[in-house]
Amino acid sequence: MARVMAAPAAASRAPASLEIVVDGVSKAFGAMPALVDVSVRVGAGEFLSLIGPSGCGKTTLLKAIAGLQPVDRGRILVGPREVRGPGPECSMVFQDFALLPWSTVQRNVEFGLLLRGVAAAERAAVAGRAIAKVGLDGFEQAYPAQLSGGMQQRVGLARALAVRPQILLMDEPFASIDEQTRRLFQDDLLALWSEERATVVFVTHSMEEAVYLSDRVVVLSPRPGRVHRVLDVPLPRPREASDVRASVGFTRLVDELWKILRKLQ
């Protein structure tokens, strides 16, 4: 599989990342509470993962940060802005790719730029750079149905990166990909994050993935979701170019995370 390419010139780098503050957030769907009094602060440029039992509200919290899901109580800040709806700071990568099946790779990656009113020539240039960065150059005119699942997910990531987000929200983006490809994706994501330095909130069910990618891991309790524990991950970076997975520290952290989650089941 093609690897990510070098970052473009400094002039095209993403703007400064933003801090996220989730302050006492609660959300219910009818009589069913999903989140209760959730508070967490994500530092600017931090890579933070959310993990917890199925149905604990991880995706609900991610959508609330994106402004796609209103909250019942509390507030969410991205930088100085209180979230009351979608904003230009955030891009979201979905588990199901969410590509337009009738559009080429190029058009899919340009889509967010089109919505923001970017001129055609600039859209094409920016999308082309994003496509190259995720290792899909040469596939610009292919349609989603002609791509593997892993390649489709790369298109989704390129589309998110094309708008130069200050915050990148990822909802189990590698869940449907085989283990070998998943590990390659994790390394590619870390390489891209090192270049762009966006603030990342990453939802996963994988303990190994959460530890490998993150600066911290937030463990949510079973429904209704509450912050049960925050686990620091003091492993050295860059991780994609080292033997972190084989280290005693990595194994210890994964085991600690498993013990926390097992008690919640």
C-alpha atoms as a PDB file:
ATOM      1  CA  MET A   1       0.000   0.000   0.000  1.00  0.00           C
ATOM      2  CA  ALA A   2       1.274   3.477  -0.807  1.00  0.00           C
ATOM      3  CA  ARG A   3       2.595   5.477   2.108  1.00  0.00           C
ATOM      4  CA  VAL A   4       1.833   9.074   2.974  1.00  0.00           C
ATOM      5  CA  MET A   5       3.882  11.724   1.256  1.00  0.00           C
ATOM      6  CA  ALA A   6       5.724  14.704   2.663  1.00  0.00           C
ATOM      7  CA  ALA A   7       3.813  17.759   3.780  1.00  0.00           C
ATOM      8  CA  PRO A   8       3.282  20.584   1.291  1.00  0.00           C
ATOM      9  CA  ALA A   9       4.967  23.938   1.601  1.00  0.00           C
ATOM     10  CA  ALA A  10       4.556  25.796   4.887  1.00  0.00           C
ATOM     11  CA  ALA A  11       2.171  28.312   3.323  1.00  0.00           C
ATOM     12  CA  SER A  12      -0.435  25.576   2.854  1.00  0.00           C
ATOM     13  CA  ARG A  13      -0.151  24.111   6.342  1.00  0.00           C
ATOM     14  CA  ALA A  14      -3.216  23.971   8.552  1.00  0.00           C
ATOM     15  CA  PRO A  15      -3.918  26.890  10.910  1.00  0.00           C
ATOM     16  CA  ALA A  16      -3.181  26.505  14.621  1.00  0.00           C
ATOM     17  CA  SER A  17      -5.047  23.710  16.370  1.00  0.00           C
ATOM     18  CA  LEU A  18      -7.676  24.503  18.985  1.00  0.00           C
ATOM     19  CA  GLU A  19      -8.457  23.354  22.486  1.00  0.00           C
ATOM     20  CA  ILE A  20     -11.752  21.559  23.118  1.00  0.00           C
ATOM     21  CA  VAL A  21     -13.597  21.972  26.417  1.00  0.00           C
ATOM     22  CA  VAL A  22     -16.534  19.682  27.243  1.00  0.00           C
ATOM     23  CA  ASP A  23     -18.118  21.099  30.382  1.00  0.00           C
ATOM     24  CA  GLY A  24     -20.821  19.189  32.264  1.00  0.00           C
ATOM     25  CA  VAL A  25     -22.493  17.834  29.132  1.00  0.00           C
ATOM     26  CA  SER A  26     -25.600  15.668  29.394  1.00  0.00           C
ATOM     27  CA  LYS A  27     -27.706  14.264  26.572  1.00  0.00           C
ATOM     28  CA  ALA A  28     -30.788  12.052  26.500  1.00  0.00           C
ATOM     29  CA  PHE A  29     -32.813  10.547  23.697  1.00  0.00           C
ATOM     30  CA  GLY A  30     -36.361  10.636  24.951  1.00  0.00           C
ATOM     31  CA  ALA A  31     -36.365   8.974  28.386  1.00  0.00           C
ATOM     32  CA  MET A  32     -33.023   7.253  27.719  1.00  0.00           C
ATOM     33  CA  PRO A  33     -29.962   9.154  29.002  1.00  0.00           C
ATOM     34  CA  ALA A  34     -26.902   8.793  26.773  1.00  0.00           C
ATOM     35  CA  LEU A  35     -24.387  11.088  28.504  1.00  0.00           C
ATOM     36  CA  VAL A  36     -24.447  12.431  32.074  1.00  0.00           C
ATOM     37  CA  ASP A  37     -22.299  15.322  33.309  1.00  0.00           C
ATOM     38  CA  VAL A  38     -19.354  14.633  30.993  1.00  0.00           C
ATOM     39  CA  SER A  39     -16.404  16.982  31.382  1.00  0.00           C
ATOM     40  CA  VAL A  40     -13.108  16.661  29.536  1.00  0.00           C
ATOM     41  CA  ARG A  41     -10.516  19.074  28.183  1.00  0.00           C
ATOM     42  CA  VAL A  42      -8.570  18.251  25.013  1.00  0.00           C
ATOM     43  CA  GLY A  43      -5.428  20.308  24.607  1.00  0.00           C
ATOM     44  CA  ALA A  44      -4.618  22.075  21.359  1.00  0.00           C
ATOM     45  CA  GLY A  45      -2.765  19.606  19.142  1.00  0.00           C
ATOM     46  CA  GLU A  46      -3.485  16.666  21.451  1.00  0.00           C
ATOM     47  CA  PHE A  47      -4.443  13.209  20.203  1.00  0.00           C
ATOM     48  CA  LEU A  48      -7.163  11.893  22.527  1.00  0.00           C
ATOM     49  CA  SER A  49      -9.122   8.647  22.193  1.00  0.00           C
ATOM     50  CA  LEU A  50     -12.541   7.760  23.585  1.00  0.00           C
ATOM     51  CA  ILE A  51     -13.161   4.144  24.532  1.00  0.00           C
ATOM     52  CA  GLY A  52     -15.834   2.318  26.497  1.00  0.00           C
ATOM     53  CA  PRO A  53     -18.535  -0.361  26.282  1.00  0.00           C
ATOM     54  CA  SER A  54     -20.877  -0.357  23.287  1.00  0.00           C
ATOM     55  CA  GLY A  55     -23.667   2.165  23.704  1.00  0.00           C
ATOM     56  CA  CYS A  56     -21.807   4.320  26.228  1.00  0.00           C
ATOM     57  CA  GLY A  57     -22.215   7.512  24.180  1.00  0.00           C
ATOM     58  CA  LYS A  58     -18.838   7.808  22.436  1.00  0.00           C
ATOM     59  CA  THR A  59     -20.326   8.692  19.044  1.00  0.00           C
ATOM     60  CA  THR A  60     -22.930  10.937  20.664  1.00  0.00           C
ATOM     61  CA  LEU A  61     -20.154  12.919  22.335  1.00  0.00           C
ATOM     62  CA  LEU A  62     -18.169  13.129  19.109  1.00  0.00           C
ATOM     63  CA  LYS A  63     -21.206  14.417  17.193  1.00  0.00           C
ATOM     64  CA  ALA A  64     -21.867  16.950  19.943  1.00  0.00           C
ATOM     65  CA  ILE A  65     -18.317  18.297  19.603  1.00  0.00           C
ATOM     66  CA  ALA A  66     -18.858  18.524  15.833  1.00  0.00           C
ATOM     67  CA  GLY A  67     -22.078  20.472  16.364  1.00  0.00           C
ATOM     68  CA  LEU A  68     -24.136  17.718  14.736  1.00  0.00           C
ATOM     69  CA  GLN A  69     -25.914  16.758  17.971  1.00  0.00           C
ATOM     70  CA  PRO A  70     -27.289  19.379  20.401  1.00  0.00           C
ATOM     71  CA  VAL A  71     -26.772  18.744  24.109  1.00  0.00           C
ATOM     72  CA  ASP A  72     -29.392  19.052  26.833  1.00  0.00           C
ATOM     73  CA  ARG A  73     -27.158  20.516  29.535  1.00  0.00           C
ATOM     74  CA  GLY A  74     -23.633  21.841  29.768  1.00  0.00           C
ATOM     75  CA  ARG A  75     -21.578  23.389  27.013  1.00  0.00           C
ATOM     76  CA  ILE A  76     -18.821  22.593  24.528  1.00  0.00           C
ATOM     77  CA  LEU A  77     -16.157  25.081  23.441  1.00  0.00           C
ATOM     78  CA  VAL A  78     -13.857  24.742  20.437  1.00  0.00           C
ATOM     79  CA  GLY A  79     -11.306  27.453  20.986  1.00  0.00           C
ATOM     80  CA  PRO A  80     -13.287  30.541  22.004  1.00  0.00           C
ATOM     81  CA  ARG A  81     -16.503  29.460  20.242  1.00  0.00           C
ATOM     82  CA  GLU A  82     -19.338  27.759  22.073  1.00  0.00           C
ATOM     83  CA  VAL A  83     -20.654  24.970  19.865  1.00  0.00           C
ATOM     84  CA  ARG A  84     -24.253  25.541  18.778  1.00  0.00           C
ATOM     85  CA  GLY A  85     -23.951  23.922  15.371  1.00  0.00           C
ATOM     86  CA  PRO A  86     -21.308  22.800  12.850  1.00  0.00           C
ATOM     87  CA  GLY A  87     -18.347  25.126  12.480  1.00  0.00           C
ATOM     88  CA  PRO A  88     -15.447  25.487  10.051  1.00  0.00           C
ATOM     89  CA  GLU A  89     -12.917  24.339  12.651  1.00  0.00           C
ATOM     90  CA  CYS A  90     -13.931  20.682  12.583  1.00  0.00           C
ATOM     91  CA  SER A  91     -13.787  17.849  10.085  1.00  0.00           C
ATOM     92  CA  MET A  92     -15.235  14.412  10.765  1.00  0.00           C
ATOM     93  CA  VAL A  93     -14.211  11.014   9.411  1.00  0.00           C
ATOM     94  CA  PHE A  94     -16.918   8.359   9.619  1.00  0.00           C
ATOM     95  CA  GLN A  95     -16.700   4.591   9.988  1.00  0.00           C
ATOM     96  CA  ASP A  96     -18.854   4.017   6.885  1.00  0.00           C
ATOM     97  CA  PHE A  97     -16.709   6.313   4.659  1.00  0.00           C
ATOM     98  CA  ALA A  98     -19.745   8.506   3.730  1.00  0.00           C
ATOM     99  CA  LEU A  99     -18.511   8.988   0.158  1.00  0.00           C
ATOM    100  CA  LEU A 100     -20.653  10.189  -2.741  1.00  0.00           C
ATOM    101  CA  PRO A 101     -20.891   7.051  -4.930  1.00  0.00           C
ATOM    102  CA  TRP A 102     -21.607   9.028  -8.121  1.00  0.00           C
ATOM    103  CA  SER A 103     -18.505  11.224  -7.726  1.00  0.00           C
ATOM    104  CA  THR A 104     -14.855  10.521  -8.463  1.00  0.00           C
ATOM    105  CA  VAL A 105     -12.156  10.527  -5.814  1.00  0.00           C
ATOM    106  CA  GLN A 106     -11.225  14.058  -6.887  1.00  0.00           C
ATOM    107  CA  ARG A 107     -14.811  15.312  -6.587  1.00  0.00           C
ATOM    108  CA  ASN A 108     -15.332  13.602  -3.245  1.00  0.00           C
ATOM    109  CA  VAL A 109     -12.237  15.227  -1.794  1.00  0.00           C
ATOM    110  CA  GLU A 110     -13.244  18.612  -3.224  1.00  0.00           C
ATOM    111  CA  PHE A 111     -16.742  18.383  -1.736  1.00  0.00           C
ATOM    112  CA  GLY A 112     -16.064  20.173   1.569  1.00  0.00           C
ATOM    113  CA  LEU A 113     -14.173  22.905  -0.257  1.00  0.00           C
ATOM    114  CA  LEU A 114     -17.096  23.321  -2.671  1.00  0.00           C
ATOM    115  CA  LEU A 115     -19.461  23.830   0.274  1.00  0.00           C
ATOM    116  CA  ARG A 116     -17.138  26.532   1.577  1.00  0.00           C
ATOM    117  CA  GLY A 117     -17.187  28.401  -1.722  1.00  0.00           C
ATOM    118  CA  VAL A 118     -13.566  27.756  -2.713  1.00  0.00           C
ATOM    119  CA  ALA A 119     -12.892  28.548  -6.382  1.00  0.00           C
ATOM    120  CA  ALA A 120     -12.595  25.605  -8.791  1.00  0.00           C
ATOM    121  CA  ALA A 121      -8.868  25.941  -9.531  1.00  0.00           C
ATOM    122  CA  GLU A 122      -7.945  26.188  -5.863  1.00  0.00           C
ATOM    123  CA  ARG A 123     -10.291  23.284  -5.007  1.00  0.00           C
ATOM    124  CA  ALA A 124      -8.565  21.082  -7.547  1.00  0.00           C
ATOM    125  CA  ALA A 125      -5.080  21.979  -6.311  1.00  0.00           C
ATOM    126  CA  VAL A 126      -5.877  21.536  -2.621  1.00  0.00           C
ATOM    127  CA  ALA A 127      -7.724  18.255  -3.219  1.00  0.00           C
ATOM    128  CA  GLY A 128      -4.835  16.991  -5.335  1.00  0.00           C
ATOM    129  CA  ARG A 129      -2.385  17.616  -2.506  1.00  0.00           C
ATOM    130  CA  ALA A 130      -4.663  15.874   0.015  1.00  0.00           C
ATOM    131  CA  ILE A 131      -5.064  12.868  -2.294  1.00  0.00           C
ATOM    132  CA  ALA A 132      -1.292  12.589  -2.669  1.00  0.00           C
ATOM    133  CA  LYS A 133      -0.764  12.861   1.086  1.00  0.00           C
ATOM    134  CA  VAL A 134      -2.941   9.799   1.745  1.00  0.00           C
ATOM    135  CA  GLY A 135      -1.194   7.800  -0.968  1.00  0.00           C
ATOM    136  CA  LEU A 136      -3.943   7.829  -3.621  1.00  0.00           C
ATOM    137  CA  ASP A 137      -2.325   9.838  -6.387  1.00  0.00           C
ATOM    138  CA  GLY A 138      -3.227   8.201  -9.685  1.00  0.00           C
ATOM    139  CA  PHE A 139      -6.740   7.339  -8.479  1.00  0.00           C
ATOM    140  CA  GLU A 140      -8.249  10.816  -8.853  1.00  0.00           C
ATOM    141  CA  GLN A 141     -10.753   9.752 -11.524  1.00  0.00           C
ATOM    142  CA  ALA A 142     -11.754   6.454  -9.900  1.00  0.00           C
ATOM    143  CA  TYR A 143     -15.202   6.000  -8.343  1.00  0.00           C
ATOM    144  CA  PRO A 144     -15.757   4.628  -4.810  1.00  0.00           C
ATOM    145  CA  ALA A 145     -17.106   1.309  -6.151  1.00  0.00           C
ATOM    146  CA  GLN A 146     -13.772   0.762  -7.902  1.00  0.00           C
ATOM    147  CA  LEU A 147     -11.796   1.103  -4.663  1.00  0.00           C
ATOM    148  CA  SER A 148     -11.104  -1.267  -1.798  1.00  0.00           C
ATOM    149  CA  GLY A 149     -12.483  -0.470   1.648  1.00  0.00           C
ATOM    150  CA  GLY A 150      -9.094   0.774   2.771  1.00  0.00           C
ATOM    151  CA  MET A 151      -8.776   3.058  -0.236  1.00  0.00           C
ATOM    152  CA  GLN A 152     -12.274   4.411   0.348  1.00  0.00           C
ATOM    153  CA  GLN A 153     -11.309   5.268   3.916  1.00  0.00           C
ATOM    154  CA  ARG A 154      -8.257   7.092   2.581  1.00  0.00           C
ATOM    155  CA  VAL A 155     -10.581   9.187   0.417  1.00  0.00           C
ATOM    156  CA  GLY A 156     -12.625  10.043   3.501  1.00  0.00           C
ATOM    157  CA  LEU A 157      -9.476  11.099   5.338  1.00  0.00           C
ATOM    158  CA  ALA A 158      -8.276  13.165   2.365  1.00  0.00           C
ATOM    159  CA  ARG A 159     -11.639  14.948   2.230  1.00  0.00           C
ATOM    160  CA  ALA A 160     -11.369  15.789   5.925  1.00  0.00           C
ATOM    161  CA  LEU A 161      -7.793  17.042   5.564  1.00  0.00           C
ATOM    162  CA  ALA A 162      -8.523  19.116   2.458  1.00  0.00           C
ATOM    163  CA  VAL A 163     -10.395  21.770   4.456  1.00  0.00           C
ATOM    164  CA  ARG A 164      -7.353  22.147   6.731  1.00  0.00           C
ATOM    165  CA  PRO A 165      -9.245  21.487   9.974  1.00  0.00           C
ATOM    166  CA  GLN A 166      -8.059  22.654  13.350  1.00  0.00           C
ATOM    167  CA  ILE A 167      -9.961  19.751  14.907  1.00  0.00           C
ATOM    168  CA  LEU A 168     -10.228  16.263  13.390  1.00  0.00           C
ATOM    169  CA  LEU A 169     -12.986  14.005  14.761  1.00  0.00           C
ATOM    170  CA  MET A 170     -12.779  10.304  13.865  1.00  0.00           C
ATOM    171  CA  ASP A 171     -15.549   7.802  14.607  1.00  0.00           C
ATOM    172  CA  GLU A 172     -14.050   4.280  14.530  1.00  0.00           C
ATOM    173  CA  PRO A 173     -12.581   4.962  11.082  1.00  0.00           C
ATOM    174  CA  PHE A 174     -10.610   1.704  10.899  1.00  0.00           C
ATOM    175  CA  ALA A 175     -13.182  -0.662  12.411  1.00  0.00           C
ATOM    176  CA  SER A 176     -14.162  -2.348   9.138  1.00  0.00           C
ATOM    177  CA  ILE A 177     -10.609  -2.771   7.810  1.00  0.00           C
ATOM    178  CA  ASP A 178      -8.471  -5.913   8.146  1.00  0.00           C
ATOM    179  CA  GLU A 179      -5.766  -5.912  10.832  1.00  0.00           C
ATOM    180  CA  GLN A 180      -2.799  -5.540   8.479  1.00  0.00           C
ATOM    181  CA  THR A 181      -4.324  -2.561   6.691  1.00  0.00           C
ATOM    182  CA  ARG A 182      -5.467  -1.128  10.013  1.00  0.00           C
ATOM    183  CA  ARG A 183      -1.913  -1.019  11.331  1.00  0.00           C
ATOM    184  CA  LEU A 184      -0.705   0.697   8.167  1.00  0.00           C
ATOM    185  CA  PHE A 185      -3.515   3.230   8.533  1.00  0.00           C
ATOM    186  CA  GLN A 186      -2.573   3.913  12.139  1.00  0.00           C
ATOM    187  CA  ASP A 187       0.994   4.695  11.122  1.00  0.00           C
ATOM    188  CA  ASP A 188      -0.162   6.863   8.234  1.00  0.00           C
ATOM    189  CA  LEU A 189      -2.554   8.757  10.507  1.00  0.00           C
ATOM    190  CA  LEU A 190       0.216   9.450  13.017  1.00  0.00           C
ATOM    191  CA  ALA A 191       2.501  10.689  10.236  1.00  0.00           C
ATOM    192  CA  LEU A 192      -0.211  13.031   8.951  1.00  0.00           C
ATOM    193  CA  TRP A 193      -1.014  14.230  12.463  1.00  0.00           C
ATOM    194  CA  SER A 194       2.657  14.989  13.063  1.00  0.00           C
ATOM    195  CA  GLU A 195       2.605  17.228   9.970  1.00  0.00           C
ATOM    196  CA  GLU A 196      -0.760  18.919  10.459  1.00  0.00           C
ATOM    197  CA  ARG A 197      -0.886  18.915  14.284  1.00  0.00           C
ATOM    198  CA  ALA A 198      -4.657  19.228  14.404  1.00  0.00           C
ATOM    199  CA  THR A 199      -6.419  18.392  17.644  1.00  0.00           C
ATOM    200  CA  VAL A 200      -7.754  14.828  17.246  1.00  0.00           C
ATOM    201  CA  VAL A 201     -10.594  13.076  19.075  1.00  0.00           C
ATOM    202  CA  PHE A 202     -10.667   9.429  18.033  1.00  0.00           C
ATOM    203  CA  VAL A 203     -13.398   6.909  18.919  1.00  0.00           C
ATOM    204  CA  THR A 204     -12.358   3.263  19.022  1.00  0.00           C
ATOM    205  CA  HIS A 205     -13.225  -0.095  20.579  1.00  0.00           C
ATOM    206  CA  SER A 206      -9.621  -1.306  20.289  1.00  0.00           C
ATOM    207  CA  MET A 207      -7.455  -0.997  23.401  1.00  0.00           C
ATOM    208  CA  GLU A 208      -4.246  -1.461  21.407  1.00  0.00           C
ATOM    209  CA  GLU A 209      -5.285   1.212  18.906  1.00  0.00           C
ATOM    210  CA  ALA A 210      -6.214   3.687  21.650  1.00  0.00           C
ATOM    211  CA  VAL A 211      -2.866   3.264  23.415  1.00  0.00           C
ATOM    212  CA  TYR A 212      -0.790   3.279  20.217  1.00  0.00           C
ATOM    213  CA  LEU A 213      -2.283   6.474  18.813  1.00  0.00           C
ATOM    214  CA  SER A 214      -3.065   8.631  21.811  1.00  0.00           C
ATOM    215  CA  ASP A 215      -1.602  11.075  24.281  1.00  0.00           C
ATOM    216  CA  ARG A 216      -4.492  10.246  26.623  1.00  0.00           C
ATOM    217  CA  VAL A 217      -7.388   7.777  26.625  1.00  0.00           C
ATOM    218  CA  VAL A 218     -10.763   8.713  28.124  1.00  0.00           C
ATOM    219  CA  VAL A 219     -12.742   5.707  29.341  1.00  0.00           C
ATOM    220  CA  LEU A 220     -16.509   6.190  29.410  1.00  0.00           C
ATOM    221  CA  SER A 221     -18.750   4.151  31.712  1.00  0.00           C
ATOM    222  CA  PRO A 222     -21.642   2.005  30.430  1.00  0.00           C
ATOM    223  CA  ARG A 223     -24.792   3.895  29.432  1.00  0.00           C
ATOM    224  CA  PRO A 224     -25.371   6.542  30.470  1.00  0.00           C
ATOM    225  CA  GLY A 225     -21.838   7.567  29.611  1.00  0.00           C
ATOM    226  CA  ARG A 226     -19.765   9.305  32.254  1.00  0.00           C
ATOM    227  CA  VAL A 227     -16.015   9.894  32.386  1.00  0.00           C
ATOM    228  CA  HIS A 228     -14.848   6.879  34.378  1.00  0.00           C
ATOM    229  CA  ARG A 229     -11.090   7.253  33.982  1.00  0.00           C
ATOM    230  CA  VAL A 230      -8.493   9.210  32.026  1.00  0.00           C
ATOM    231  CA  LEU A 231      -5.350   7.234  31.211  1.00  0.00           C
ATOM    232  CA  ASP A 232      -2.145   9.054  30.292  1.00  0.00           C
ATOM    233  CA  VAL A 233      -0.025   7.456  27.533  1.00  0.00           C
ATOM    234  CA  PRO A 234       3.580   8.600  28.106  1.00  0.00           C
ATOM    235  CA  LEU A 235       5.027   6.515  25.259  1.00  0.00           C
ATOM    236  CA  PRO A 236       7.709   8.212  23.125  1.00  0.00           C
ATOM    237  CA  ARG A 237       6.939   9.738  19.750  1.00  0.00           C
ATOM    238  CA  PRO A 238       7.241   9.275  16.833  1.00  0.00           C
ATOM    239  CA  ARG A 239       5.621   5.873  17.354  1.00  0.00           C
ATOM    240  CA  GLU A 240       5.139   4.844  13.733  1.00  0.00           C
ATOM    241  CA  ALA A 241       8.886   4.685  13.226  1.00  0.00           C
ATOM    242  CA  SER A 242       9.696   2.719  16.404  1.00  0.00           C
ATOM    243  CA  ASP A 243       8.989  -0.587  18.108  1.00  0.00           C
ATOM    244  CA  VAL A 244       6.463   0.864  20.547  1.00  0.00           C
ATOM    245  CA  ARG A 245       4.062  -2.069  20.192  1.00  0.00           C
ATOM    246  CA  ALA A 246       6.789  -4.469  21.334  1.00  0.00           C
ATOM    247  CA  SER A 247       7.729  -2.411  24.385  1.00  0.00           C
ATOM    248  CA  VAL A 248       7.006  -3.289  27.988  1.00  0.00           C
ATOM    249  CA  GLY A 249       5.400   0.126  28.478  1.00  0.00           C
ATOM    250  CA  PHE A 250       2.906  -0.450  25.656  1.00  0.00           C
ATOM    251  CA  THR A 251       1.951  -3.891  26.964  1.00  0.00           C
ATOM    252  CA  ARG A 252       1.528  -2.537  30.493  1.00  0.00           C
ATOM    253  CA  LEU A 253      -0.761   0.276  29.347  1.00  0.00           C
ATOM    254  CA  VAL A 254      -2.924  -2.024  27.218  1.00  0.00           C
ATOM    255  CA  ASP A 255      -3.238  -4.402  30.175  1.00  0.00           C
ATOM    256  CA  GLU A 256      -4.159  -1.545  32.502  1.00  0.00           C
ATOM    257  CA  LEU A 257      -6.797  -0.340  30.048  1.00  0.00           C
ATOM    258  CA  TRP A 258      -8.215  -3.871  29.762  1.00  0.00           C
ATOM    259  CA  LYS A 259      -8.508  -4.150  33.560  1.00  0.00           C
ATOM    260  CA  ILE A 260     -10.408  -0.850  33.653  1.00  0.00           C
ATOM    261  CA  LEU A 261     -12.780  -1.898  30.869  1.00  0.00           C
ATOM    262  CA  ARG A 262     -13.299  -5.405  32.255  1.00  0.00           C
ATOM    263  CA  LYS A 263     -14.582  -3.966  35.544  1.00  0.00           C
ATOM    264  CA  LEU A 264     -17.116  -1.915  33.583  1.00  0.00           C
ATOM    265  CA  GLN A 265     -18.629  -4.884  31.738  1.00  0.00           C
END
